[in-house]
Every structure is written in C-alpha cells, then in structure tokens.
Protein backbone atom coordinates (compact mmCIF):
# COMPACT_ATOMS: atom_id res chain seq x y z
CA UNK A 1 29.06 -26.71 -18.66
CA UNK A 2 29.88 -28.57 -15.66
CA UNK A 3 27.44 -29.43 -12.46
CA UNK A 4 26.33 -25.85 -11.13
CA UNK A 5 28.30 -24.83 -7.73
CA UNK A 6 26.06 -23.89 -4.66
CA UNK A 7 28.79 -21.20 -3.65
CA UNK A 8 28.95 -17.82 -4.69
CA UNK A 9 29.79 -17.26 -8.40
CA UNK A 10 32.37 -14.91 -10.31
CA UNK A 11 32.13 -15.11 -13.89
CA UNK A 12 34.82 -14.27 -16.44
CA UNK A 13 33.69 -13.64 -19.98
CA UNK A 14 36.62 -14.93 -22.31
CA UNK A 15 37.39 -14.73 -26.02
CA UNK A 16 40.77 -16.37 -26.12
CA UNK A 17 42.50 -13.20 -26.92
CA UNK A 18 45.82 -12.37 -24.94
CA UNK A 19 43.72 -9.49 -23.27
CA UNK A 20 41.20 -12.19 -22.54
CA UNK A 21 43.56 -14.71 -20.95
CA UNK A 22 45.03 -11.91 -18.81
CA UNK A 23 41.71 -11.33 -17.67
CA UNK A 24 41.00 -15.16 -16.78
CA UNK A 25 44.46 -14.85 -14.54
CA UNK A 26 42.84 -12.03 -12.57
CA UNK A 27 39.45 -13.75 -12.32
CA UNK A 28 41.08 -16.75 -11.11
CA UNK A 29 43.07 -14.85 -8.32
CA UNK A 30 40.12 -13.15 -6.99
CA UNK A 31 38.02 -16.17 -6.92
CA UNK A 32 40.60 -17.93 -4.72
CA UNK A 33 41.26 -14.66 -2.61
CA UNK A 34 37.15 -14.68 -2.09
CA UNK A 35 36.37 -18.37 -2.08
CA UNK A 36 34.15 -17.68 -5.02
CA UNK A 37 33.87 -20.43 -8.05
CA UNK A 38 35.02 -19.37 -11.02
CA UNK A 39 32.60 -19.41 -14.08
CA UNK A 40 34.68 -18.93 -17.22
CA UNK A 41 31.99 -18.02 -20.52
CA UNK A 42 32.58 -17.98 -23.88
CA UNK A 43 30.12 -16.72 -26.31
CA UNK A 44 30.39 -18.10 -29.79
CA UNK A 45 28.38 -15.34 -31.43
CA UNK A 46 27.07 -17.28 -34.39
CA UNK A 47 23.99 -15.70 -34.40
CA UNK A 48 20.56 -17.29 -35.38
CA UNK A 49 20.89 -21.08 -36.51
CA UNK A 50 19.85 -20.74 -39.86
CA UNK A 51 22.85 -18.20 -40.88
CA UNK A 52 25.59 -20.68 -40.08
CA UNK A 53 26.23 -24.29 -41.69
CA UNK A 54 25.42 -27.23 -39.16
CA UNK A 55 29.21 -28.34 -40.03
CA UNK A 56 30.56 -25.38 -39.34
CA UNK A 57 28.71 -24.88 -36.08
CA UNK A 58 29.73 -28.27 -34.78
CA UNK A 59 33.62 -27.48 -35.39
CA UNK A 60 32.80 -24.10 -33.78
CA UNK A 61 31.47 -25.83 -30.74
CA UNK A 62 34.11 -28.22 -30.55
CA UNK A 63 37.06 -25.71 -30.50
CA UNK A 64 35.40 -23.35 -28.02
CA UNK A 65 34.63 -26.57 -25.44
CA UNK A 66 38.16 -27.32 -25.93
CA UNK A 67 39.62 -23.79 -25.24
CA UNK A 68 37.43 -23.38 -22.35
CA UNK A 69 38.67 -26.68 -20.56
CA UNK A 70 42.33 -25.59 -21.44
CA UNK A 71 41.63 -22.22 -19.61
CA UNK A 72 40.10 -24.31 -16.81
CA UNK A 73 42.84 -26.84 -16.46
CA UNK A 74 45.53 -23.53 -16.35
CA UNK A 75 43.92 -21.63 -13.82
CA UNK A 76 42.13 -24.26 -11.66
CA UNK A 77 45.03 -25.13 -9.22
CA UNK A 78 45.18 -25.11 -5.31
CA UNK A 79 41.66 -26.43 -5.32
CA UNK A 80 40.05 -23.33 -7.22
CA UNK A 81 36.34 -24.64 -8.40
CA UNK A 82 36.21 -23.87 -11.77
CA UNK A 83 33.25 -24.33 -13.92
CA UNK A 84 32.86 -23.87 -17.93
CA UNK A 85 29.93 -22.57 -20.10
CA UNK A 86 29.79 -22.47 -23.58
CA UNK A 87 27.24 -20.21 -24.95
CA UNK A 88 26.26 -21.19 -28.70
CA UNK A 89 23.21 -19.62 -29.65
CA UNK A 90 22.47 -16.34 -30.70
CA UNK A 91 24.49 -13.14 -30.72
CA UNK A 92 27.28 -12.86 -28.02
CA UNK A 93 26.36 -9.83 -26.10
CA UNK A 94 22.70 -10.79 -25.98
CA UNK A 95 23.64 -14.61 -24.91
CA UNK A 96 25.91 -13.59 -22.17
CA UNK A 97 23.44 -10.85 -20.80
CA UNK A 98 20.49 -13.64 -20.56
CA UNK A 99 23.07 -15.90 -18.85
CA UNK A 100 23.82 -13.21 -16.49
CA UNK A 101 20.31 -12.17 -15.96
CA UNK A 102 19.20 -15.93 -15.31
CA UNK A 103 21.70 -16.30 -12.31
CA UNK A 104 23.50 -12.98 -11.25
CA UNK A 105 27.03 -13.77 -9.87
CA UNK A 106 28.75 -11.42 -7.42
CA UNK A 107 30.49 -9.66 -10.37
CA UNK A 108 31.69 -10.32 -13.88
CA UNK A 109 35.41 -10.06 -15.40
CA UNK A 110 36.03 -8.92 -18.81
CA UNK A 111 38.98 -7.45 -20.57
CA UNK A 112 39.02 -4.39 -22.85
CA UNK A 113 41.23 -1.99 -24.72
CA UNK A 114 40.56 1.92 -24.52
CA UNK A 115 38.67 3.39 -27.18
CA UNK A 116 38.67 7.15 -28.50
CA UNK A 117 37.56 9.30 -31.46
CA UNK A 118 34.52 7.87 -33.31
CA UNK A 119 34.95 4.39 -31.44
CA UNK A 120 32.47 5.78 -28.59
CA UNK A 121 29.97 6.43 -30.97
CA UNK A 122 29.61 3.11 -32.48
CA UNK A 123 27.83 -0.15 -31.38
CA UNK A 124 29.43 -1.28 -28.45
CA UNK A 125 31.88 -4.11 -27.26
CA UNK A 126 31.02 -7.00 -25.26
CA UNK A 127 32.47 -4.92 -22.31
CA UNK A 128 30.29 -1.88 -23.27
CA UNK A 129 27.18 -3.81 -23.14
CA UNK A 130 27.66 -6.12 -20.19
CA UNK A 131 29.00 -2.67 -18.29
CA UNK A 132 25.46 -0.93 -19.61
CA UNK A 133 23.09 -3.78 -18.83
CA UNK A 134 24.68 -6.46 -16.53
CA UNK A 135 22.48 -6.97 -13.28
CA UNK A 136 26.26 -7.10 -11.57
CA UNK A 137 29.37 -5.03 -11.31
CA UNK A 138 31.51 -5.22 -14.08
CA UNK A 139 35.00 -5.35 -13.57
CA UNK A 140 37.05 -4.46 -16.84
CA UNK A 141 40.96 -5.53 -16.55
CA UNK A 142 43.45 -3.41 -18.22
CA UNK A 143 46.26 -4.44 -16.07
CA UNK A 144 47.10 -7.44 -14.37
CA UNK A 145 50.13 -7.26 -12.24
CA UNK A 146 48.53 -4.74 -9.65
CA UNK A 147 45.81 -7.57 -9.08
CA UNK A 148 47.88 -10.82 -9.01
CA UNK A 149 50.40 -8.69 -6.37
CA UNK A 150 47.73 -7.87 -4.16
CA UNK A 151 46.14 -11.40 -4.44
CA UNK A 152 49.59 -12.52 -3.43
CA UNK A 153 49.65 -10.61 -0.29
CA UNK A 154 52.67 -8.26 -1.15
CA UNK A 155 50.74 -4.78 -1.71
CA UNK A 156 47.39 -3.07 -1.30
CA UNK A 157 45.19 -2.81 -4.10
CA UNK A 158 44.83 1.33 -4.83
CA UNK A 159 41.11 1.93 -5.20
CA UNK A 160 39.65 5.00 -6.43
CA UNK A 161 35.87 5.49 -6.26
CA UNK A 162 33.86 8.22 -8.00
CA UNK A 163 30.91 9.53 -6.29
CA UNK A 164 28.13 11.89 -7.61
CA UNK A 165 26.30 11.73 -4.38
CA UNK A 166 23.25 10.40 -6.31
CA UNK A 167 21.48 6.63 -6.77
CA UNK A 168 24.64 4.94 -7.50
CA UNK A 169 26.73 6.14 -4.72
CA UNK A 170 25.15 3.78 -1.99
CA UNK A 171 25.77 0.81 -4.58
CA UNK A 172 29.32 1.90 -5.50
CA UNK A 173 30.28 2.29 -1.39
CA UNK A 174 28.68 -1.22 -0.77
CA UNK A 175 30.93 -2.70 -3.66
CA UNK A 176 34.00 -1.09 -2.63
CA UNK A 177 33.33 -2.14 1.00
CA UNK A 178 32.90 -5.70 0.08
CA UNK A 179 36.23 -5.67 -2.43
CA UNK A 180 37.88 -4.16 0.69
CA UNK A 181 37.18 -7.31 2.40
CA UNK A 182 38.86 -9.33 0.05
CA UNK A 183 41.99 -7.74 1.12
CA UNK A 184 44.02 -4.57 2.28
CA UNK A 185 42.92 -1.66 0.02
CA UNK A 186 44.39 2.03 -0.36
CA UNK A 187 40.91 3.82 -0.80
CA UNK A 188 40.28 7.19 -2.39
CA UNK A 189 37.14 9.16 -2.95
CA UNK A 190 36.50 11.34 -5.51
CA UNK A 191 33.85 13.93 -6.08
CA UNK A 192 33.60 16.33 -9.03
CA UNK A 193 30.77 18.74 -8.70
CA UNK A 194 29.39 21.24 -11.55
CA UNK A 195 30.67 24.95 -10.70
CA UNK A 196 29.17 27.66 -12.38
CA UNK A 197 28.48 31.14 -11.20
CA UNK A 198 25.93 34.15 -12.87
CA UNK A 199 27.99 37.38 -13.16
CA UNK A 200 27.16 40.68 -15.17
CA UNK A 201 28.59 40.93 -18.89
CA UNK A 202 27.44 44.02 -20.61
CA UNK A 203 23.92 44.41 -18.78
CA UNK A 204 23.33 40.62 -19.06
CA UNK A 205 23.51 37.98 -16.77
CA UNK A 206 25.38 34.96 -18.35
CA UNK A 207 27.13 31.54 -16.75
CA UNK A 208 30.93 31.67 -16.19
CA UNK A 209 33.36 28.92 -15.07
CA UNK A 210 34.99 29.29 -11.57
CA UNK A 211 38.32 27.96 -10.92
CA UNK A 212 37.68 26.52 -7.66
CA UNK A 213 35.04 26.08 -4.80
CA UNK A 214 34.82 28.81 -2.15
CA UNK A 215 36.05 27.39 1.12
CA UNK A 216 32.72 27.23 2.41
CA UNK A 217 31.29 25.05 -0.24
CA UNK A 218 34.68 22.83 -0.32
CA UNK A 219 34.71 22.03 3.62
CA UNK A 220 30.71 21.44 3.16
CA UNK A 221 31.51 18.56 0.13
CA UNK A 222 34.36 17.39 2.15
CA UNK A 223 32.47 16.75 5.00
CA UNK A 224 29.46 15.04 3.11
CA UNK A 225 31.65 12.65 1.32
CA UNK A 226 33.57 11.40 4.44
CA UNK A 227 30.24 11.02 6.04
CA UNK A 228 28.66 9.31 3.29
CA UNK A 229 31.88 6.81 2.98
CA UNK A 230 31.83 6.18 6.82
CA UNK A 231 28.08 5.81 7.56
CA UNK A 232 27.77 2.85 4.29
CA UNK A 233 31.24 1.22 5.22
CA UNK A 234 32.61 2.17 8.21
CA UNK A 235 35.93 2.65 7.38
CA UNK A 236 38.10 5.63 8.88
CA UNK A 237 41.27 5.57 6.88
CA UNK A 238 40.63 6.86 3.25
CA UNK A 239 41.66 9.92 1.09
CA UNK A 240 39.03 12.46 -0.30
CA UNK A 241 39.22 14.76 -3.17
CA UNK A 242 36.76 17.23 -4.46
CA UNK A 243 37.04 18.91 -7.58
CA UNK A 244 34.75 21.60 -9.35
CA UNK A 245 34.20 21.06 -13.11
CA UNK A 246 32.58 23.38 -15.99
CA UNK A 247 31.97 20.35 -17.95
CA UNK A 248 32.04 16.51 -18.43
CA UNK A 249 33.59 15.11 -15.12
CA UNK A 250 35.39 11.99 -16.47
CA UNK A 251 38.28 13.72 -17.72
CA UNK A 252 38.66 15.52 -14.12
CA UNK A 253 37.88 11.94 -12.64
CA UNK A 254 40.22 10.34 -14.78
CA UNK A 255 43.09 13.09 -13.71
CA UNK A 256 42.55 12.38 -10.00
CA UNK A 257 42.77 8.48 -10.56
CA UNK A 258 46.37 9.21 -11.93
CA UNK A 259 47.36 11.52 -9.72
CA UNK A 260 46.20 8.79 -6.77
CA UNK A 261 48.34 6.09 -8.95
CA UNK A 262 44.79 4.14 -8.79
CA UNK A 263 45.03 0.40 -9.98
CA UNK A 264 41.09 0.06 -9.93
CA UNK A 265 38.65 2.94 -10.85
CA UNK A 266 35.13 2.25 -9.62
CA UNK A 267 32.27 4.29 -10.87
CA UNK A 268 28.39 3.98 -10.75
CA UNK A 269 25.98 3.58 -13.82
CA UNK A 270 22.63 4.30 -14.05
CA UNK A 271 22.33 1.82 -17.36
CA UNK A 272 20.72 4.59 -19.49
CA UNK A 273 19.64 3.52 -22.86
CA UNK A 274 18.97 4.65 -26.41
CA UNK A 275 18.20 8.62 -26.29
CA UNK A 276 18.37 8.75 -22.65
CA UNK A 277 22.67 7.96 -22.96
CA UNK A 278 22.67 10.21 -26.13
CA UNK A 279 20.98 13.16 -24.12
CA UNK A 280 22.59 12.48 -20.58
CA UNK A 281 25.78 11.24 -21.90
CA UNK A 282 27.27 8.32 -19.50
CA UNK A 283 29.94 9.06 -17.46
CA UNK A 284 30.68 5.47 -16.79
CA UNK A 285 30.98 4.72 -20.75
CA UNK A 286 33.38 7.78 -20.89
CA UNK A 287 35.50 6.21 -17.98
CA UNK A 288 35.89 2.87 -19.40
CA UNK A 289 36.70 4.03 -22.88
CA UNK A 290 39.37 6.46 -21.80
CA UNK A 291 40.50 5.69 -18.19
CA UNK A 292 44.37 3.93 -18.41
CA UNK A 293 43.94 1.93 -15.36
CA UNK A 294 41.38 -0.82 -15.00
CA UNK A 295 37.62 0.05 -14.31
CA UNK A 296 34.65 -1.54 -12.24
CA UNK A 297 31.11 -0.36 -13.74
CA UNK A 298 28.55 -0.73 -10.81
CA UNK A 299 24.72 -0.84 -11.37
CA UNK A 300 22.57 1.68 -9.43
CA UNK A 301 20.93 -1.33 -7.68
CA UNK A 302 23.20 -4.12 -6.32
CA UNK A 303 21.72 -6.64 -4.13
CA UNK A 304 23.62 -6.93 -0.88
CA UNK A 305 23.20 -8.99 2.22
CA UNK A 306 21.52 -6.66 4.99
CA UNK A 307 23.39 -8.33 7.74
CA UNK A 308 26.58 -6.87 6.00
CA UNK A 309 25.34 -3.60 6.41
CA UNK A 310 27.45 -1.05 8.46
CA UNK A 311 25.50 0.63 11.40
CA UNK A 312 25.74 4.61 11.09
CA UNK A 313 26.46 6.49 13.86
CA UNK A 314 25.43 10.27 14.42
CA UNK A 315 28.46 12.54 14.85
CA UNK A 316 27.44 15.76 14.01
CA UNK A 317 23.99 16.94 15.04
CA UNK A 318 21.86 19.81 14.25
CA UNK A 319 19.22 21.48 16.57
CA UNK A 320 17.24 23.94 15.82
CA UNK A 321 14.92 26.25 18.40
CA UNK A 322 12.30 29.11 18.43
CA UNK A 323 12.75 29.79 21.92
CA UNK A 324 9.75 28.64 22.92
CA UNK A 325 9.64 25.64 25.46
CA UNK A 326 8.95 22.89 23.24
CA UNK A 327 11.67 24.34 21.19
CA UNK A 328 14.03 24.21 23.73
CA UNK A 329 13.42 20.69 24.65
CA UNK A 330 14.59 19.54 21.53
CA UNK A 331 18.18 20.26 22.50
CA UNK A 332 18.36 17.51 25.45
CA UNK A 333 17.49 14.99 22.67
CA UNK A 334 19.73 15.99 20.35
CA UNK A 335 22.50 15.48 22.80
CA UNK A 336 21.13 12.12 23.57
CA UNK A 337 21.80 10.68 20.10
CA UNK A 338 25.43 12.04 19.82
CA UNK A 339 28.23 9.80 21.22
CA UNK A 340 31.15 11.14 23.26
CA UNK A 341 33.41 13.77 21.36
CA UNK A 342 30.04 14.52 19.18
CA UNK A 343 29.50 17.92 17.74
CA UNK A 344 26.35 19.37 18.43
CA UNK A 345 25.34 22.75 16.35
CA UNK A 346 22.80 24.83 18.09
CA UNK A 347 20.20 26.97 15.32
CA UNK A 348 18.19 29.71 15.83
CA UNK A 349 16.23 31.24 12.82
CA UNK A 350 15.23 34.75 13.14
CA UNK A 351 13.17 36.92 11.11
CA UNK A 352 15.10 39.60 8.88
CA UNK A 353 15.90 42.31 10.97
CA UNK A 354 15.03 40.89 14.23
CA UNK A 355 18.38 39.46 15.27
CA UNK A 356 19.80 42.97 15.75
CA UNK A 357 17.36 44.38 18.23
CA UNK A 358 18.09 45.33 21.57
CA UNK A 359 17.85 42.50 23.84
CA UNK A 360 19.67 39.34 24.57
CA UNK A 361 21.86 38.04 22.31
CA UNK A 362 20.48 34.89 20.93
CA UNK A 363 23.62 32.81 20.90
CA UNK A 364 23.72 33.61 24.74
CA UNK A 365 20.37 32.28 24.95
CA UNK A 366 21.79 29.11 22.88
CA UNK A 367 24.35 28.68 24.78
CA UNK A 368 22.26 28.37 28.49
CA UNK A 369 20.30 25.55 26.59
CA UNK A 370 23.30 23.15 26.48
CA UNK A 371 23.02 20.92 29.32
CA UNK A 372 25.83 20.60 31.83
CA UNK A 373 26.10 16.76 31.13
CA UNK A 374 26.97 17.52 27.58
CA UNK A 375 30.34 18.89 28.75
CA UNK A 376 30.86 15.92 30.68
CA UNK A 377 30.20 13.60 27.66
CA UNK A 378 32.60 15.64 25.57
CA UNK A 379 29.98 17.05 23.21
CA UNK A 380 31.43 20.17 21.73
CA UNK A 381 28.38 22.92 20.89
CA UNK A 382 28.47 25.44 18.12
CA UNK A 383 26.17 28.24 17.90
CA UNK A 384 24.38 29.87 15.20
CA UNK A 385 21.90 32.54 14.52
CA UNK A 386 20.47 33.34 10.69
CA UNK A 387 18.09 35.52 9.62
CA UNK A 388 15.32 34.19 7.13
CA UNK A 389 11.98 34.39 5.85
CA UNK A 390 11.50 30.60 5.67
CA UNK A 391 12.53 28.59 8.42
CA UNK A 392 12.61 25.26 7.07
CA UNK A 393 14.80 26.66 3.96
CA UNK A 394 17.29 28.21 6.48
CA UNK A 395 17.41 24.77 8.62
CA UNK A 396 17.91 23.06 5.44
CA UNK A 397 20.79 25.17 4.03
CA UNK A 398 22.58 25.22 7.51
CA UNK A 399 22.30 21.51 7.92
CA UNK A 400 24.17 21.00 4.59
CA UNK A 401 26.89 23.89 5.58
CA UNK A 402 27.35 22.18 8.79
CA UNK A 403 27.46 18.76 7.36
CA UNK A 404 24.94 17.17 9.84
CA UNK A 405 24.23 13.69 10.24
CA UNK A 406 20.89 14.31 11.49
CA UNK A 407 18.50 17.20 12.33
CA UNK A 408 16.81 17.92 15.43
CA UNK A 409 13.64 19.70 15.84
CA UNK A 410 10.29 19.92 18.00
CA UNK A 411 7.04 20.00 16.53
CA UNK A 412 3.37 20.69 17.81
CA UNK A 413 2.06 17.70 15.92
CA UNK A 414 -0.31 19.85 14.27
CA UNK A 415 -2.39 18.42 11.01
CA UNK A 416 -5.40 18.94 8.90
CA UNK A 417 -6.70 22.58 8.69
CA UNK A 418 -4.43 23.74 11.45
CA UNK A 419 -1.13 22.54 9.68
CA UNK A 420 -2.27 24.39 6.51
CA UNK A 421 -3.08 27.67 8.13
CA UNK A 422 0.03 27.64 10.27
CA UNK A 423 2.35 25.62 8.28
CA UNK A 424 4.91 23.27 9.78
CA UNK A 425 8.22 23.33 9.91
CA UNK A 426 9.43 20.04 10.88
CA UNK A 427 7.22 18.62 7.74
CA UNK A 428 8.88 20.96 5.44
CA UNK A 429 12.20 20.29 6.84
CA UNK A 430 11.52 16.29 6.21
CA UNK A 431 10.22 17.06 2.94
CA UNK A 432 13.53 18.92 1.84
CA UNK A 433 16.37 17.37 3.36
CA UNK A 434 18.04 13.93 2.70
CA UNK A 435 19.30 13.66 6.22
CA UNK A 436 17.55 11.88 9.22
CA UNK A 437 15.16 14.00 11.07
CA UNK A 438 14.42 13.49 14.72
CA UNK A 439 11.08 15.38 15.57
CA UNK A 440 10.42 15.81 19.28
CA UNK A 441 6.64 15.87 20.28
CA UNK A 442 4.98 17.53 23.29
CA UNK A 443 5.46 15.83 26.40
CA UNK A 444 8.72 13.78 25.53
C-alpha cells in the first residue's frame, strides 16, 4: 500500500479478470474527471492463516502486489494519483468491507455479470456483498464505452434513477446530483407505484390489478416526483416516468431504463439482511442481477457536505381557512412564501351537506380573500371546497392531490385540556403530512 492521500478517494475492487480490468479503466476515467485519488484494491481470499501454507501465502502476496502495480501503471497517466492496497488476511468479502468501513470513500467501483435463476438465491458475489453492506455507494460496471465517451466529453451520460419516495430517495438524488457535477448527464427519474383495486366478485371483495393509474393519481405522483427532484438537487431539465405495477417493481424499472437507453441505473438500498431480505425482497439486488446496464446502489444514509445542499423553493402552497378572522389571516402569509408565478391553492373544508346550503358560494368567499398584491406578483390562485368530517384528513388529501410544497393554516395555539377537548387541526395536519407546515398564530 502506498502512502495515504489526503484527497477524496475512489476505490476500485479488481480480481484481475477482464471485467475487473474494465472496471479499473472506468474507475480511472471517473477519478480523473472528479479529481479523486484512485485506490486499487485486491483481496486474496485466503481465509484464516492456518488454512494456507506459508509458502503459498508468500507466492500469492507477491503475485497480487505485482499485478496491482501493473494495473496502477496502466491507468496512472496524466498525473492521476493511484494507490494500491492488497488485503492479505481473511475472506475477501469481509476484508473488503472492513477496509471500506474503516475509511469510507466517495464510492466503490466493481465489475459483475448478470445472474438469473438459482444464482440470485446463492451466496452473494463480491459485488452483492459490497452493495448490500458497504457504507458508500457501489457502482457495478457492465459496459465501459458510455463512461469513457462521457469522460472524454463526447456525449452526456444517460442516467436513470429509480425512486420509491422512501428513506432512500434523498440519498439517491443527492448522489445523482454529485454525479451530475462531474459532467453532462441526461437524467430520467422513475417511480413505480403498487396499484390495486377492490372489486366485487361473487358477492365478495377481492383485490384486482389495474392496468393504469387514474389521471388524478398519475398527475399527483408526477408532481410529487418532479418536486422531490427539484427540491433536492435543483435541476429543471429531466424526464419523469410513473408506472403502476401489480407485482415486484424491478421488471418495470428495467423496462423503463431500457426504453430510456440508460447507461447507468441508480437505485437505493435499505441494506436488509438475513430474514429481512427474504421477507421483504430486495429491489436493488434484483436490479443488480438482471439489469443489462451498469447499476449504482446507494445506501439509505449517505453522508453529504451540508454546504452543497440545494435550497428548496416553495412554488405551490396550499392554504386552508374556516372563514374565521384568524383562518382568513393565513392567506396573506401563504402568499408571502410564494415566488412570482407561484400557485396558491385556497381550500375550505365544510361539514358534510353544509356546502350545498343556501347562501354565499364558498368559492366566492375564497376569491375575496386573495390580496390584490398577489395578482401583481403573478401568483395564480386556485379554489377548492370539499366536504369531510375530518378537516385534517381532508387537508392532507388535498395537499397530496395538489402536490403542495407547503401547507399554511392558522392555529389558536391551544394546549393541554383545551386542545384535548377542542382538538387541533394544525397539530393533526403536522402529524399526518410529510410536507412543511406553516402555522399562523393570533396577532401575526
């Protein structure tokens, strides 16, 4: 092992095979592009010392060091900093994981072949072990040409990220954003939602698949997908694909990636182990086995520099009022957080049957609450009245349908017994919604 570098490291694991050599070539191109120090690692996989004769161990070490140095000389041109590490003890997978956990790199590059059939149930390969256990993203290289052409500046890299709106989504997006900073990328973001419906069959309710999402559900999911991408990495030009699925999502994801001509498929991994994987399955594991393109697997938690985080912007705000003076006072505050050209959704939740009673149309009352200054700022209002027994649930559902970046509402700030007796719509909305909630207090 050469002297450690103080710069950001990119680790490439090689087994000296032809695919392993291709992975080294890609890793070197990425290291040059990103200014990383390239660390070439080989694990001897000799097991415990007592299982191997000392002479055999010395030969294996000598050959391993020579081949690592040969690879370093092959790619270490144009000033690229290359280090070599030969892991001499223990089983290869465990030794590699210990090495990565001791000092996590930016990401690790490996090679792999697609697997099928019984292979996916067998003991995992090195790439499987790293993707499911490493503390950093793992890039599994299958084709070198797209990466090399991109590294030379000849063509954008076609990257597709599969997002599930779960714990992995932010990590995947941030890693795509870091990758995009290395060079031009044509981005596609895909979400596969599990779609089913309850139908009557011979007097009993059964679950049945549906071929497509309703227009309302499809529009809501696409808005949420675009919002999450914009808020996390700040890009505007990208494609989105939302598809329903009755079964496992990985075949749909691969189909979308192939249709997009993706060079790189990025997915998140919850890094489940043991029975957790057998029970829940692993989409990332299946994609790594079956996708025809290169695959990057990103753990649910990836450390990022907080200074590089994108500042999100509120573009669509939902404000709700019960037509009380305090409720109405929330509307100007909702306008205050919107940029010129933003969309303001004004919502009133009425008790069942009350919206149809004679009197002033609730929508007209909502229109009268929009400040004149909002029109000069280009803020576009929308008006919605729904009937529901649970105001907080109605607000939550409408925020999902509208694709709100934030929810704005007023609260009396009651607590203790008063809150228990009267309830708190604001508290219930904050408990149910994953969106930011702006609460306007009396006197603001």
